[in-house]
């Protein structure tokens, strides 16, 4: 199997993975809301809920950083993000996934990684033409 084919299949699977992550997030939020409102928890889920939620968050953050390397939007990440921010987020996410299951990871750290990845994606959402330098003709 060629690398190009693997890459095409990965890009094709992205919507499914994103939807699965989103729905799992909704389920965790719904469970947490019901548990908080009723005061009743389900112990088998509670025992692992924080690790599951943190893992899903870091998988989403990792996916966000990996998108810089997939041919979804070729110029979206920019050279700076592709060579600095994306590798940093990938390394931090993989390290965080290890720490969640083997040593524990504070919730604020996971949320900080999520904020970092989301802020980076928001900066890429700015239309390219709004960042272009004004032409000399418009200045005169």
Protein backbone atom coordinates (compact mmCIF):
# COMPACT_ATOMS: atom_id res chain seq x y z
CA UNK A 1 0.00 0.00 0.00
CA UNK A 2 1.49 3.34 -1.02
CA UNK A 3 1.86 6.31 1.29
CA UNK A 4 -0.42 8.41 -0.97
CA UNK A 5 -3.18 5.84 -0.69
CA UNK A 6 -2.83 5.67 3.10
CA UNK A 7 -2.97 9.46 3.20
CA UNK A 8 -6.12 9.57 1.03
CA UNK A 9 -7.80 6.95 3.24
CA UNK A 10 -6.84 8.88 6.37
CA UNK A 11 -8.36 12.06 4.95
CA UNK A 12 -11.51 10.15 3.98
CA UNK A 13 -11.83 8.77 7.53
CA UNK A 14 -11.49 12.18 9.18
CA UNK A 15 -15.20 13.11 9.17
CA UNK A 16 -16.09 9.82 10.85
CA UNK A 17 -13.38 10.23 13.50
CA UNK A 18 -14.37 13.83 14.16
CA UNK A 19 -18.05 12.85 14.51
CA UNK A 20 -17.17 9.98 16.88
CA UNK A 21 -15.09 12.32 19.03
CA UNK A 22 -17.86 14.91 19.05
CA UNK A 23 -20.55 12.42 20.05
CA UNK A 24 -18.39 10.91 22.77
CA UNK A 25 -17.87 14.43 24.08
CA UNK A 26 -21.63 15.00 24.10
CA UNK A 27 -22.18 11.71 25.97
CA UNK A 28 -19.57 12.66 28.59
CA UNK A 29 -21.11 16.12 29.00
CA UNK A 30 -24.63 14.63 29.28
CA UNK A 31 -23.52 12.06 31.84
CA UNK A 32 -21.67 14.69 33.87
CA UNK A 33 -24.70 16.98 33.82
CA UNK A 34 -27.10 14.24 34.91
CA UNK A 35 -24.69 13.08 37.62
CA UNK A 36 -24.28 16.64 38.90
CA UNK A 37 -28.03 17.35 38.89
CA UNK A 38 -29.15 14.08 40.47
CA UNK A 39 -26.15 13.37 42.67
CA UNK A 40 -26.16 9.77 41.44
CA UNK A 41 -23.13 8.35 39.66
CA UNK A 42 -22.35 5.08 37.96
CA UNK A 43 -19.18 3.80 39.66
CA UNK A 44 -17.79 1.65 36.80
CA UNK A 45 -17.82 4.73 34.55
CA UNK A 46 -16.78 7.20 37.25
CA UNK A 47 -13.66 5.19 37.96
CA UNK A 48 -12.31 5.91 34.44
CA UNK A 49 -14.29 8.95 33.31
CA UNK A 50 -11.60 11.55 33.89
CA UNK A 51 -8.99 9.49 32.04
CA UNK A 52 -11.41 8.82 29.18
CA UNK A 53 -12.36 12.50 28.85
CA UNK A 54 -8.73 13.61 29.04
CA UNK A 55 -7.72 11.00 26.46
CA UNK A 56 -10.45 12.11 24.06
CA UNK A 57 -9.41 15.74 24.51
CA UNK A 58 -5.79 14.99 23.76
CA UNK A 59 -6.73 12.81 20.77
CA UNK A 60 -8.73 15.75 19.39
CA UNK A 61 -5.82 18.12 20.05
CA UNK A 62 -3.42 15.67 18.41
CA UNK A 63 -5.72 15.33 15.40
CA UNK A 64 -5.88 19.11 15.12
CA UNK A 65 -2.09 19.29 14.95
CA UNK A 66 -1.81 16.38 12.51
CA UNK A 67 -4.18 18.15 10.11
CA UNK A 68 -1.26 20.46 9.26
CA UNK A 69 0.33 17.52 7.46
CA UNK A 70 -2.72 16.15 5.65
CA UNK A 71 -3.83 17.46 2.27
CA UNK A 72 -7.09 18.82 3.65
CA UNK A 73 -6.19 22.49 3.16
CA UNK A 74 -2.60 22.60 1.92
CA UNK A 75 -1.71 26.16 2.90
CA UNK A 76 -3.88 26.46 5.98
CA UNK A 77 -1.19 25.86 8.62
CA UNK A 78 1.50 28.07 7.16
CA UNK A 79 5.21 27.33 7.33
CA UNK A 80 5.61 28.62 10.89
CA UNK A 81 2.81 26.47 12.28
CA UNK A 82 3.83 23.40 10.33
CA UNK A 83 7.40 23.45 11.64
CA UNK A 84 6.92 24.88 15.15
CA UNK A 85 3.40 24.77 16.60
CA UNK A 86 2.21 21.46 15.10
CA UNK A 87 5.26 19.44 16.21
CA UNK A 88 5.06 20.99 19.69
CA UNK A 89 1.37 20.11 20.05
CA UNK A 90 1.97 16.59 18.72
CA UNK A 91 4.81 15.96 21.20
CA UNK A 92 2.86 17.45 24.11
CA UNK A 93 -0.25 15.42 23.20
CA UNK A 94 1.60 12.13 22.92
CA UNK A 95 3.43 12.87 26.18
CA UNK A 96 0.13 13.82 27.80
CA UNK A 97 -1.53 10.59 26.64
CA UNK A 98 1.29 8.64 28.28
CA UNK A 99 1.07 10.64 31.50
CA UNK A 100 -2.74 10.34 31.77
CA UNK A 101 -2.60 6.56 31.96
CA UNK A 102 0.69 6.03 33.78
CA UNK A 103 1.17 8.92 36.21
CA UNK A 104 -1.92 11.10 35.94
CA UNK A 105 -2.24 14.53 34.38
CA UNK A 106 -3.97 17.54 35.96
CA UNK A 107 -7.14 18.66 34.22
CA UNK A 108 -5.84 22.23 33.76
CA UNK A 109 -2.93 20.85 31.70
CA UNK A 110 -5.31 19.00 29.38
CA UNK A 111 -7.50 22.07 29.06
CA UNK A 112 -4.44 24.19 28.38
CA UNK A 113 -3.46 21.91 25.51
CA UNK A 114 -6.98 22.11 24.15
CA UNK A 115 -6.93 25.91 24.34
CA UNK A 116 -3.53 25.99 22.60
CA UNK A 117 -4.70 23.83 19.72
CA UNK A 118 -7.98 25.69 19.36
CA UNK A 119 -6.28 29.08 19.42
CA UNK A 120 -3.92 27.89 16.72
CA UNK A 121 -6.82 26.72 14.58
CA UNK A 122 -8.62 30.02 15.10
CA UNK A 123 -5.59 31.91 13.87
CA UNK A 124 -5.65 29.79 10.71
CA UNK A 125 -9.33 30.62 10.19
CA UNK A 126 -8.55 34.27 9.39
CA UNK A 127 -9.03 34.77 5.64
CA UNK A 128 -5.69 35.03 3.86
CA UNK A 129 -6.66 38.17 1.95
CA UNK A 130 -7.24 40.06 5.21
CA UNK A 131 -3.61 39.39 6.20
CA UNK A 132 -2.10 40.53 2.91
CA UNK A 133 -0.11 43.71 2.87
CA UNK A 134 -1.97 46.64 1.34
CA UNK A 135 -0.94 47.29 -2.22
CA UNK A 136 1.02 50.41 -3.03
CA UNK A 137 -1.79 51.60 -5.31
CA UNK A 138 -4.27 51.68 -2.46
CA UNK A 139 -1.88 53.73 -0.34
CA UNK A 140 -1.47 56.47 -2.95
